[in-house]
PDB file of N, CA and C in Angstrom:
ATOM      1  N   UNK A   1      17.382   1.886 -18.847  1.00  0.00           N
ATOM      2  CA  UNK A   1      18.353   1.849 -17.770  1.00  0.00           C
ATOM      3  C   UNK A   1      17.716   2.271 -16.441  1.00  0.00           C
ATOM      4  N   UNK A   2      16.892   3.324 -16.489  1.00  0.00           N
ATOM      5  CA  UNK A   2      16.253   3.808 -15.270  1.00  0.00           C
ATOM      6  C   UNK A   2      15.344   2.729 -14.668  1.00  0.00           C
ATOM      7  N   UNK A   3      14.610   2.018 -15.518  1.00  0.00           N
ATOM      8  CA  UNK A   3      13.747   0.938 -15.039  1.00  0.00           C
ATOM      9  C   UNK A   3      14.543  -0.170 -14.380  1.00  0.00           C
ATOM     10  N   UNK A   4      15.685  -0.500 -14.951  1.00  0.00           N
ATOM     11  CA  UNK A   4      16.549  -1.533 -14.378  1.00  0.00           C
ATOM     12  C   UNK A   4      17.020  -1.119 -12.982  1.00  0.00           C
ATOM     13  N   UNK A   5      17.420   0.158 -12.823  1.00  0.00           N
ATOM     14  CA  UNK A   5      17.879   0.638 -11.525  1.00  0.00           C
ATOM     15  C   UNK A   5      16.751   0.621 -10.500  1.00  0.00           C
ATOM     16  N   UNK A   6      15.535   0.951 -10.935  1.00  0.00           N
ATOM     17  CA  UNK A   6      14.398   0.913 -10.012  1.00  0.00           C
ATOM     18  C   UNK A   6      14.129  -0.511  -9.553  1.00  0.00           C
ATOM     19  N   UNK A   7      14.186  -1.457 -10.473  1.00  0.00           N
ATOM     20  CA  UNK A   7      13.970  -2.865 -10.110  1.00  0.00           C
ATOM     21  C   UNK A   7      15.082  -3.339  -9.191  1.00  0.00           C
ATOM     22  N   UNK A   8      16.321  -2.988  -9.507  1.00  0.00           N
ATOM     23  CA  UNK A   8      17.447  -3.390  -8.681  1.00  0.00           C
ATOM     24  C   UNK A   8      17.304  -2.813  -7.275  1.00  0.00           C
ATOM     25  N   UNK A   9      16.901  -1.552  -7.168  1.00  0.00           N
ATOM     26  CA  UNK A   9      16.700  -0.923  -5.858  1.00  0.00           C
ATOM     27  C   UNK A   9      15.612  -1.632  -5.082  1.00  0.00           C
ATOM     28  N   UNK A  10      14.510  -1.955  -5.744  1.00  0.00           N
ATOM     29  CA  UNK A  10      13.414  -2.660  -5.080  1.00  0.00           C
ATOM     30  C   UNK A  10      13.875  -4.016  -4.568  1.00  0.00           C
ATOM     31  N   UNK A  11      14.608  -4.754  -5.385  1.00  0.00           N
ATOM     32  CA  UNK A  11      15.092  -6.077  -4.976  1.00  0.00           C
ATOM     33  C   UNK A  11      16.015  -5.965  -3.776  1.00  0.00           C
ATOM     34  N   UNK A  12      16.866  -4.938  -3.772  1.00  0.00           N
ATOM     35  CA  UNK A  12      17.779  -4.735  -2.646  1.00  0.00           C
ATOM     36  C   UNK A  12      16.999  -4.464  -1.369  1.00  0.00           C
ATOM     37  N   UNK A  13      16.008  -3.581  -1.431  1.00  0.00           N
ATOM     38  CA  UNK A  13      15.210  -3.264  -0.253  1.00  0.00           C
ATOM     39  C   UNK A  13      14.378  -4.458   0.194  1.00  0.00           C
ATOM     40  N   UNK A  14      13.792  -5.173  -0.744  1.00  0.00           N
ATOM     41  CA  UNK A  14      12.970  -6.336  -0.387  1.00  0.00           C
ATOM     42  C   UNK A  14      13.818  -7.407   0.259  1.00  0.00           C
ATOM     43  N   UNK A  15      15.014  -7.630  -0.241  1.00  0.00           N
ATOM     44  CA  UNK A  15      15.896  -8.647   0.336  1.00  0.00           C
ATOM     45  C   UNK A  15      16.264  -8.283   1.761  1.00  0.00           C
ATOM     46  N   UNK A  16      16.375  -6.995   2.041  1.00  0.00           N
ATOM     47  CA  UNK A  16      16.735  -6.560   3.383  1.00  0.00           C
ATOM     48  C   UNK A  16      15.657  -6.796   4.412  1.00  0.00           C
ATOM     49  N   UNK A  17      14.440  -7.076   3.989  1.00  0.00           N
ATOM     50  CA  UNK A  17      13.355  -7.248   4.938  1.00  0.00           C
ATOM     51  C   UNK A  17      13.207  -8.677   5.420  1.00  0.00           C
ATOM     52  N   UNK A  18      13.717  -9.652   4.714  1.00  0.00           N
ATOM     53  CA  UNK A  18      13.494 -11.028   5.127  1.00  0.00           C
ATOM     54  C   UNK A  18      14.696 -11.667   5.761  1.00  0.00           C
ATOM     55  N   UNK A  19      15.693 -11.960   4.981  1.00  0.00           N
ATOM     56  CA  UNK A  19      16.813 -12.736   5.498  1.00  0.00           C
ATOM     57  C   UNK A  19      18.028 -11.867   5.790  1.00  0.00           C
ATOM     58  N   UNK A  20      17.810 -10.583   6.025  1.00  0.00           N
ATOM     59  CA  UNK A  20      18.897  -9.646   6.264  1.00  0.00           C
ATOM     60  C   UNK A  20      19.887 -10.110   7.315  1.00  0.00           C
ATOM     61  N   UNK A  21      19.402 -10.538   8.449  1.00  0.00           N
ATOM     62  CA  UNK A  21      20.300 -10.815   9.568  1.00  0.00           C
ATOM     63  C   UNK A  21      20.804 -12.243   9.578  1.00  0.00           C
ATOM     64  N   UNK A  22      20.280 -13.054   8.732  1.00  0.00           N
ATOM     65  CA  UNK A  22      20.627 -14.462   8.786  1.00  0.00           C
ATOM     66  C   UNK A  22      21.895 -14.793   8.013  1.00  0.00           C
ATOM     67  N   UNK A  23      22.521 -13.765   7.418  1.00  0.00           N
ATOM     68  CA  UNK A  23      23.716 -14.020   6.637  1.00  0.00           C
ATOM     69  C   UNK A  23      24.999 -13.840   7.447  1.00  0.00           C
ATOM     70  N   UNK A  24      24.902 -13.328   8.669  1.00  0.00           N
ATOM     71  CA  UNK A  24      26.087 -13.084   9.471  1.00  0.00           C
ATOM     72  C   UNK A  24      26.545 -14.345  10.193  1.00  0.00           C
ATOM     73  N   UNK A  25      27.849 -14.540  10.314  1.00  0.00           N
ATOM     74  CA  UNK A  25      28.410 -15.623  11.119  1.00  0.00           C
ATOM     75  C   UNK A  25      29.077 -15.051  12.359  1.00  0.00           C
ATOM     76  N   UNK A  26      29.296 -13.755  12.385  1.00  0.00           N
ATOM     77  CA  UNK A  26      29.836 -13.051  13.550  1.00  0.00           C
ATOM     78  C   UNK A  26      28.948 -11.849  13.786  1.00  0.00           C
ATOM     79  N   UNK A  27      29.077 -11.253  14.984  1.00  0.00           N
ATOM     80  CA  UNK A  27      28.223 -10.115  15.313  1.00  0.00           C
ATOM     81  C   UNK A  27      28.436  -8.983  14.321  1.00  0.00           C
ATOM     82  N   UNK A  28      27.359  -8.494  13.709  1.00  0.00           N
ATOM     83  CA  UNK A  28      27.485  -7.353  12.801  1.00  0.00           C
ATOM     84  C   UNK A  28      27.744  -6.085  13.613  1.00  0.00           C
ATOM     85  N   UNK A  29      28.322  -5.077  13.009  1.00  0.00           N
ATOM     86  CA  UNK A  29      28.563  -3.835  13.754  1.00  0.00           C
ATOM     87  C   UNK A  29      27.241  -3.118  14.037  1.00  0.00           C
ATOM     88  N   UNK A  30      27.140  -2.460  15.196  1.00  0.00           N
ATOM     89  CA  UNK A  30      25.921  -1.703  15.477  1.00  0.00           C
ATOM     90  C   UNK A  30      25.859  -0.443  14.625  1.00  0.00           C
ATOM     91  N   UNK A  31      24.647   0.046  14.416  1.00  0.00           N
ATOM     92  CA  UNK A  31      24.434   1.319  13.741  1.00  0.00           C
ATOM     93  C   UNK A  31      23.604   2.198  14.672  1.00  0.00           C
ATOM     94  N   UNK A  32      23.798   3.501  14.589  1.00  0.00           N
ATOM     95  CA  UNK A  32      22.990   4.428  15.385  1.00  0.00           C
ATOM     96  C   UNK A  32      21.934   5.018  14.469  1.00  0.00           C
ATOM     97  N   UNK A  33      20.686   4.863  14.889  1.00  0.00           N
ATOM     98  CA  UNK A  33      19.538   5.342  14.127  1.00  0.00           C
ATOM     99  C   UNK A  33      18.889   6.451  14.937  1.00  0.00           C
ATOM    100  N   UNK A  34      18.570   7.562  14.289  1.00  0.00           N
ATOM    101  CA  UNK A  34      18.020   8.726  14.992  1.00  0.00           C
ATOM    102  C   UNK A  34      16.628   8.478  15.543  1.00  0.00           C
ATOM    103  N   UNK A  35      15.848   7.642  14.876  1.00  0.00           N
ATOM    104  CA  UNK A  35      14.487   7.372  15.334  1.00  0.00           C
ATOM    105  C   UNK A  35      14.427   6.019  16.031  1.00  0.00           C
ATOM    106  N   UNK A  36      13.591   5.942  17.047  1.00  0.00           N
ATOM    107  CA  UNK A  36      13.427   4.683  17.773  1.00  0.00           C
ATOM    108  C   UNK A  36      12.673   3.678  16.912  1.00  0.00           C
ATOM    109  N   UNK A  37      12.933   2.387  17.116  1.00  0.00           N
ATOM    110  CA  UNK A  37      12.191   1.386  16.359  1.00  0.00           C
ATOM    111  C   UNK A  37      10.734   1.359  16.800  1.00  0.00           C
ATOM    112  N   UNK A  38       9.840   0.933  15.928  1.00  0.00           N
ATOM    113  CA  UNK A  38       8.436   0.819  16.338  1.00  0.00           C
ATOM    114  C   UNK A  38       8.297  -0.283  17.385  1.00  0.00           C
ATOM    115  N   UNK A  39       7.283  -0.148  18.200  1.00  0.00           N
ATOM    116  CA  UNK A  39       7.027  -1.185  19.197  1.00  0.00           C
ATOM    117  C   UNK A  39       6.571  -2.452  18.469  1.00  0.00           C
ATOM    118  N   UNK A  40       7.147  -3.563  18.843  1.00  0.00           N
ATOM    119  CA  UNK A  40       6.787  -4.846  18.245  1.00  0.00           C
ATOM    120  C   UNK A  40       6.097  -5.679  19.315  1.00  0.00           C
ATOM    121  N   UNK A  41       4.887  -6.085  19.039  1.00  0.00           N
ATOM    122  CA  UNK A  41       4.150  -6.936  19.968  1.00  0.00           C
ATOM    123  C   UNK A  41       4.491  -8.378  19.620  1.00  0.00           C
ATOM    124  N   UNK A  42       5.188  -9.032  20.543  1.00  0.00           N
ATOM    125  CA  UNK A  42       5.608 -10.416  20.312  1.00  0.00           C
ATOM    126  C   UNK A  42       4.527 -11.336  20.857  1.00  0.00           C
ATOM    127  N   UNK A  43       4.044 -12.211  20.017  1.00  0.00           N
ATOM    128  CA  UNK A  43       2.993 -13.156  20.428  1.00  0.00           C
ATOM    129  C   UNK A  43       3.518 -14.070  21.526  1.00  0.00           C
ATOM    130  N   UNK A  44       2.680 -14.330  22.514  1.00  0.00           N
ATOM    131  CA  UNK A  44       3.060 -15.230  23.599  1.00  0.00           C
ATOM    132  C   UNK A  44       3.196 -16.662  23.120  1.00  0.00           C
ATOM    133  N   UNK A  45       2.450 -17.001  22.085  1.00  0.00           N
ATOM    134  CA  UNK A  45       2.459 -18.377  21.596  1.00  0.00           C
ATOM    135  C   UNK A  45       2.689 -18.403  20.095  1.00  0.00           C
ATOM    136  N   UNK A  46       3.285 -19.485  19.644  1.00  0.00           N
ATOM    137  CA  UNK A  46       3.483 -19.727  18.217  1.00  0.00           C
ATOM    138  C   UNK A  46       3.556 -21.227  18.025  1.00  0.00           C
ATOM    139  N   UNK A  47       3.382 -21.661  16.799  1.00  0.00           N
ATOM    140  CA  UNK A  47       3.492 -23.086  16.533  1.00  0.00           C
ATOM    141  C   UNK A  47       4.896 -23.549  16.887  1.00  0.00           C
ATOM    142  N   UNK A  48       5.017 -24.748  17.458  1.00  0.00           N
ATOM    143  CA  UNK A  48       6.353 -25.224  17.814  1.00  0.00           C
ATOM    144  C   UNK A  48       7.214 -25.435  16.569  1.00  0.00           C
ATOM    145  N   UNK A  49       8.488 -25.185  16.726  1.00  0.00           N
ATOM    146  CA  UNK A  49       9.440 -25.401  15.634  1.00  0.00           C
ATOM    147  C   UNK A  49       9.890 -26.861  15.641  1.00  0.00           C
ATOM    148  N   UNK A  50      10.271 -27.381  14.487  1.00  0.00           N
ATOM    149  CA  UNK A  50      10.888 -28.710  14.472  1.00  0.00           C
ATOM    150  C   UNK A  50      12.131 -28.710  15.373  1.00  0.00           C
ATOM    151  N   UNK A  51      12.527 -29.891  15.822  1.00  0.00           N
ATOM    152  CA  UNK A  51      13.647 -30.014  16.760  1.00  0.00           C
ATOM    153  C   UNK A  51      14.940 -29.382  16.247  1.00  0.00           C
ATOM    154  N   UNK A  52      15.137 -29.367  14.946  1.00  0.00           N
ATOM    155  CA  UNK A  52      16.394 -28.844  14.392  1.00  0.00           C
ATOM    156  C   UNK A  52      16.323 -27.353  14.055  1.00  0.00           C
ATOM    157  N   UNK A  53      15.257 -26.657  14.538  1.00  0.00           N
ATOM    158  CA  UNK A  53      15.099 -25.243  14.222  1.00  0.00           C
ATOM    159  C   UNK A  53      14.886 -24.423  15.482  1.00  0.00           C
ATOM    160  N   UNK A  54      15.185 -23.136  15.392  1.00  0.00           N
ATOM    161  CA  UNK A  54      14.992 -22.196  16.501  1.00  0.00           C
ATOM    162  C   UNK A  54      13.908 -21.202  16.121  1.00  0.00           C
ATOM    163  N   UNK A  55      13.178 -20.725  17.134  1.00  0.00           N
ATOM    164  CA  UNK A  55      12.183 -19.684  16.897  1.00  0.00           C
ATOM    165  C   UNK A  55      12.870 -18.327  16.966  1.00  0.00           C
ATOM    166  N   UNK A  56      12.677 -17.510  15.954  1.00  0.00           N
ATOM    167  CA  UNK A  56      13.202 -16.151  15.920  1.00  0.00           C
ATOM    168  C   UNK A  56      12.000 -15.224  16.070  1.00  0.00           C
ATOM    169  N   UNK A  57      11.957 -14.481  17.189  1.00  0.00           N
ATOM    170  CA  UNK A  57      10.822 -13.601  17.476  1.00  0.00           C
ATOM    171  C   UNK A  57      10.651 -12.513  16.426  1.00  0.00           C
ATOM    172  N   UNK A  58       9.411 -11.989  16.335  1.00  0.00           N
ATOM    173  CA  UNK A  58       9.165 -10.773  15.554  1.00  0.00           C
ATOM    174  C   UNK A  58      10.127  -9.709  16.079  1.00  0.00           C
ATOM    175  N   UNK A  59      10.621  -8.862  15.203  1.00  0.00           N
ATOM    176  CA  UNK A  59      11.504  -7.789  15.648  1.00  0.00           C
ATOM    177  C   UNK A  59      11.549  -6.669  14.617  1.00  0.00           C
ATOM    178  N   UNK A  60      11.989  -5.493  15.082  1.00  0.00           N
ATOM    179  CA  UNK A  60      12.174  -4.356  14.186  1.00  0.00           C
ATOM    180  C   UNK A  60      13.592  -4.420  13.629  1.00  0.00           C
ATOM    181  N   UNK A  61      13.726  -4.157  12.344  1.00  0.00           N
ATOM    182  CA  UNK A  61      15.033  -4.176  11.678  1.00  0.00           C
ATOM    183  C   UNK A  61      15.218  -2.869  10.916  1.00  0.00           C
ATOM    184  N   UNK A  62      16.393  -2.256  11.060  1.00  0.00           N
ATOM    185  CA  UNK A  62      16.731  -1.045  10.300  1.00  0.00           C
ATOM    186  C   UNK A  62      17.320  -1.488   8.979  1.00  0.00           C
ATOM    187  N   UNK A  63      16.668  -1.139   7.857  1.00  0.00           N
ATOM    188  CA  UNK A  63      17.145  -1.590   6.545  1.00  0.00           C
ATOM    189  C   UNK A  63      18.037  -0.551   5.862  1.00  0.00           C
ATOM    190  N   UNK A  64      18.443   0.476   6.621  1.00  0.00           N
ATOM    191  CA  UNK A  64      19.288   1.512   6.058  1.00  0.00           C
ATOM    192  C   UNK A  64      18.526   2.775   5.717  1.00  0.00           C
ATOM    193  N   UNK A  65      17.190   2.644   5.610  1.00  0.00           N
ATOM    194  CA  UNK A  65      16.351   3.797   5.295  1.00  0.00           C
ATOM    195  C   UNK A  65      15.161   3.931   6.239  1.00  0.00           C
ATOM    196  N   UNK A  66      14.683   2.809   6.753  1.00  0.00           N
ATOM    197  CA  UNK A  66      13.503   2.833   7.609  1.00  0.00           C
ATOM    198  C   UNK A  66      13.476   1.566   8.465  1.00  0.00           C
ATOM    199  N   UNK A  67      12.715   1.638   9.556  1.00  0.00           N
ATOM    200  CA  UNK A  67      12.484   0.449  10.367  1.00  0.00           C
ATOM    201  C   UNK A  67      11.428  -0.411   9.677  1.00  0.00           C
ATOM    202  N   UNK A  68      11.649  -1.691   9.630  1.00  0.00           N
ATOM    203  CA  UNK A  68      10.666  -2.634   9.097  1.00  0.00           C
ATOM    204  C   UNK A  68      10.444  -3.712  10.148  1.00  0.00           C
ATOM    205  N   UNK A  69       9.243  -4.250  10.170  1.00  0.00           N
ATOM    206  CA  UNK A  69       8.927  -5.327  11.099  1.00  0.00           C
ATOM    207  C   UNK A  69       9.195  -6.657  10.399  1.00  0.00           C
ATOM    208  N   UNK A  70       9.992  -7.493  11.043  1.00  0.00           N
ATOM    209  CA  UNK A  70      10.288  -8.828  10.516  1.00  0.00           C
ATOM    210  C   UNK A  70       9.457  -9.813  11.329  1.00  0.00           C
ATOM    211  N   UNK A  71       8.633 -10.582  10.633  1.00  0.00           N
ATOM    212  CA  UNK A  71       7.753 -11.543  11.300  1.00  0.00           C
ATOM    213  C   UNK A  71       8.561 -12.695  11.871  1.00  0.00           C
ATOM    214  N   UNK A  72       8.102 -13.225  12.999  1.00  0.00           N
ATOM    215  CA  UNK A  72       8.758 -14.370  13.624  1.00  0.00           C
ATOM    216  C   UNK A  72       8.685 -15.594  12.729  1.00  0.00           C
ATOM    217  N   UNK A  73       9.680 -16.454  12.882  1.00  0.00           N
ATOM    218  CA  UNK A  73       9.723 -17.659  12.057  1.00  0.00           C
ATOM    219  C   UNK A  73      10.616 -18.719  12.684  1.00  0.00           C
ATOM    220  N   UNK A  74      10.410 -19.947  12.262  1.00  0.00           N
ATOM    221  CA  UNK A  74      11.320 -21.034  12.602  1.00  0.00           C
ATOM    222  C   UNK A  74      12.425 -21.031  11.554  1.00  0.00           C
ATOM    223  N   UNK A  75      13.659 -21.152  11.991  1.00  0.00           N
ATOM    224  CA  UNK A  75      14.774 -21.148  11.051  1.00  0.00           C
ATOM    225  C   UNK A  75      15.908 -21.980  11.633  1.00  0.00           C
ATOM    226  N   UNK A  76      16.802 -22.422  10.773  1.00  0.00           N
ATOM    227  CA  UNK A  76      17.949 -23.182  11.262  1.00  0.00           C
ATOM    228  C   UNK A  76      19.174 -22.891  10.422  1.00  0.00           C
ATOM    229  N   UNK A  77      20.284 -23.051  11.046  1.00  0.00           N
ATOM    230  CA  UNK A  77      21.579 -22.996  10.388  1.00  0.00           C
ATOM    231  C   UNK A  77      22.454 -23.967  11.170  1.00  0.00           C
ATOM    232  N   UNK A  78      22.643 -25.180  10.654  1.00  0.00           N
ATOM    233  CA  UNK A  78      23.387 -26.200  11.405  1.00  0.00           C
ATOM    234  C   UNK A  78      24.756 -25.692  11.862  1.00  0.00           C
ATOM    235  N   UNK A  79      25.055 -25.949  13.139  1.00  0.00           N
ATOM    236  CA  UNK A  79      26.321 -25.527  13.707  1.00  0.00           C
ATOM    237  C   UNK A  79      26.309 -24.113  14.255  1.00  0.00           C
ATOM    238  N   UNK A  80      25.140 -23.446  14.228  1.00  0.00           N
ATOM    239  CA  UNK A  80      25.029 -22.062  14.685  1.00  0.00           C
ATOM    240  C   UNK A  80      23.830 -21.919  15.607  1.00  0.00           C
ATOM    241  N   UNK A  81      23.860 -20.891  16.448  1.00  0.00           N
ATOM    242  CA  UNK A  81      22.713 -20.546  17.283  1.00  0.00           C
ATOM    243  C   UNK A  81      22.339 -19.093  17.021  1.00  0.00           C
ATOM    244  N   UNK A  82      21.046 -18.782  17.136  1.00  0.00           N
ATOM    245  CA  UNK A  82      20.535 -17.448  16.848  1.00  0.00           C
ATOM    246  C   UNK A  82      20.784 -16.513  18.027  1.00  0.00           C
ATOM    247  N   UNK A  83      21.325 -15.350  17.763  1.00  0.00           N
ATOM    248  CA  UNK A  83      21.506 -14.290  18.758  1.00  0.00           C
ATOM    249  C   UNK A  83      20.551 -13.168  18.347  1.00  0.00           C
ATOM    250  N   UNK A  84      19.588 -12.809  19.210  1.00  0.00           N
ATOM    251  CA  UNK A  84      18.595 -11.798  18.829  1.00  0.00           C
ATOM    252  C   UNK A  84      19.193 -10.398  18.697  1.00  0.00           C
ATOM    253  N   UNK A  85      18.479  -9.504  18.007  1.00  0.00           N
ATOM    254  CA  UNK A  85      18.957  -8.130  17.858  1.00  0.00           C
ATOM    255  C   UNK A  85      19.003  -7.413  19.206  1.00  0.00           C
ATOM    256  N   UNK A  86      19.840  -6.359  19.267  1.00  0.00           N
ATOM    257  CA  UNK A  86      19.987  -5.566  20.492  1.00  0.00           C
ATOM    258  C   UNK A  86      19.719  -4.104  20.151  1.00  0.00           C
ATOM    259  N   UNK A  87      18.907  -3.461  20.997  1.00  0.00           N
ATOM    260  CA  UNK A  87      18.577  -2.045  20.862  1.00  0.00           C
ATOM    261  C   UNK A  87      19.024  -1.358  22.157  1.00  0.00           C
ATOM    262  N   UNK A  88      19.757  -0.259  22.047  1.00  0.00           N
ATOM    263  CA  UNK A  88      20.206   0.473  23.233  1.00  0.00           C
ATOM    264  C   UNK A  88      20.083   1.971  22.981  1.00  0.00           C
ATOM    265  N   UNK A  89      19.506   2.683  23.955  1.00  0.00           N
ATOM    266  CA  UNK A  89      19.418   4.138  23.844  1.00  0.00           C
ATOM    267  C   UNK A  89      20.808   4.732  23.975  1.00  0.00           C
ATOM    268  N   UNK A  90      21.162   5.595  23.056  1.00  0.00           N
ATOM    269  CA  UNK A  90      22.436   6.310  23.089  1.00  0.00           C
ATOM    270  C   UNK A  90      22.181   7.754  22.723  1.00  0.00           C
ATOM    271  N   UNK A  91      23.158   8.606  23.001  1.00  0.00           N
ATOM    272  CA  UNK A  91      23.009  10.005  22.612  1.00  0.00           C
ATOM    273  C   UNK A  91      22.914  10.072  21.094  1.00  0.00           C
ATOM    274  N   UNK A  92      21.881  10.688  20.599  1.00  0.00           N
ATOM    275  CA  UNK A  92      21.695  10.806  19.160  1.00  0.00           C
ATOM    276  C   UNK A  92      20.753   9.773  18.583  1.00  0.00           C
ATOM    277  N   UNK A  93      20.210   8.869  19.415  1.00  0.00           N
ATOM    278  CA  UNK A  93      19.261   7.896  18.879  1.00  0.00           C
ATOM    279  C   UNK A  93      19.310   6.543  19.562  1.00  0.00           C
ATOM    280  N   UNK A  94      19.245   5.526  18.742  1.00  0.00           N
ATOM    281  CA  UNK A  94      19.229   4.147  19.221  1.00  0.00           C
ATOM    282  C   UNK A  94      20.356   3.385  18.536  1.00  0.00           C
ATOM    283  N   UNK A  95      21.165   2.702  19.338  1.00  0.00           N
ATOM    284  CA  UNK A  95      22.187   1.818  18.776  1.00  0.00           C
ATOM    285  C   UNK A  95      21.504   0.486  18.495  1.00  0.00           C
ATOM    286  N   UNK A  96      21.610   0.017  17.268  1.00  0.00           N
ATOM    287  CA  UNK A  96      20.943  -1.216  16.841  1.00  0.00           C
ATOM    288  C   UNK A  96      21.980  -2.193  16.302  1.00  0.00           C
ATOM    289  N   UNK A  97      22.009  -3.378  16.894  1.00  0.00           N
ATOM    290  CA  UNK A  97      22.842  -4.465  16.388  1.00  0.00           C
ATOM    291  C   UNK A  97      21.889  -5.551  15.883  1.00  0.00           C
ATOM    292  N   UNK A  98      21.898  -5.854  14.581  1.00  0.00           N
ATOM    293  CA  UNK A  98      21.000  -6.881  14.049  1.00  0.00           C
ATOM    294  C   UNK A  98      21.252  -8.246  14.675  1.00  0.00           C
ATOM    295  N   UNK A  99      20.212  -9.061  14.677  1.00  0.00           N
ATOM    296  CA  UNK A  99      20.385 -10.441  15.106  1.00  0.00           C
ATOM    297  C   UNK A  99      21.283 -11.166  14.117  1.00  0.00           C
ATOM    298  N   UNK A 100      21.902 -12.262  14.588  1.00  0.00           N
ATOM    299  CA  UNK A 100      22.820 -12.998  13.713  1.00  0.00           C
ATOM    300  C   UNK A 100      22.966 -14.438  14.199  1.00  0.00           C
ATOM    301  N   UNK A 101      23.517 -15.257  13.354  1.00  0.00           N
ATOM    302  CA  UNK A 101      23.807 -16.651  13.684  1.00  0.00           C
ATOM    303  C   UNK A 101      25.246 -16.734  14.182  1.00  0.00           C
ATOM    304  N   UNK A 102      25.436 -17.244  15.408  1.00  0.00           N
ATOM    305  CA  UNK A 102      26.754 -17.373  16.025  1.00  0.00           C
ATOM    306  C   UNK A 102      27.157 -18.844  15.996  1.00  0.00           C
ATOM    307  N   UNK A 103      28.400 -19.145  15.613  1.00  0.00           N
ATOM    308  CA  UNK A 103      28.830 -20.544  15.633  1.00  0.00           C
ATOM    309  C   UNK A 103      28.710 -21.114  17.049  1.00  0.00           C
ATOM    310  N   UNK A 104      28.215 -22.320  17.135  1.00  0.00           N
ATOM    311  CA  UNK A 104      28.106 -22.997  18.425  1.00  0.00           C
ATOM    312  C   UNK A 104      29.498 -23.482  18.798  1.00  0.00           C
ATOM    313  N   UNK A 105      29.918 -23.146  20.013  1.00  0.00           N
ATOM    314  CA  UNK A 105      31.238 -23.609  20.438  1.00  0.00           C
ATOM    315  C   UNK A 105      31.106 -25.072  20.874  1.00  0.00           C
ATOM    316  N   UNK A 106      31.968 -25.866  20.327  1.00  0.00           N
ATOM    317  CA  UNK A 106      31.943 -27.300  20.637  1.00  0.00           C
ATOM    318  C   UNK A 106      33.131 -27.597  21.541  1.00  0.00           C
ATOM    319  N   UNK A 107      32.839 -28.156  22.698  1.00  0.00           N
ATOM    320  CA  UNK A 107      33.890 -28.528  23.632  1.00  0.00           C
ATOM    321  C   UNK A 107      34.207 -30.003  23.450  1.00  0.00           C
ATOM    322  N   UNK A 108      35.468 -30.289  23.199  1.00  0.00           N
ATOM    323  CA  UNK A 108      35.875 -31.682  23.007  1.00  0.00           C
ATOM    324  C   UNK A 108      36.004 -32.363  24.356  1.00  0.00           C
ATOM    325  N   UNK A 109      35.467 -33.584  24.466  1.00  0.00           N
ATOM    326  CA  UNK A 109      35.601 -34.308  25.753  1.00  0.00           C
ATOM    327  C   UNK A 109      37.069 -34.674  25.985  1.00  0.00           C
ATOM    328  N   UNK A 110      37.448 -34.684  27.265  1.00  0.00           N
ATOM    329  CA  UNK A 110      38.838 -35.032  27.609  1.00  0.00           C
ATOM    330  C   UNK A 110      38.996 -36.509  27.823  1.00  0.00           C
TER     331      UNK A 110
END
């Protein structure tokens, strides 16, 4: 049983490092983290994404226990646009709102 819980915990933490923020369709609630995120050096250049994909920059993500660096990637979710994460200094630490996919508003022609 203990081994199963360790594997389950590892899978939960590992899942939080890759596609953590890509499951939201609305803005996730911010969390306040006592420690600042590590500095992330964003490359000036990257391979171009296919036309149907967006580039998501490298960024720091709070997984509930520690900051992890998420590598930049091309990704898509049809009908949605990527909103990058937001970090804001607040009393007691840093307010962090993970990046998420926001539905694209479609305006009907008149």
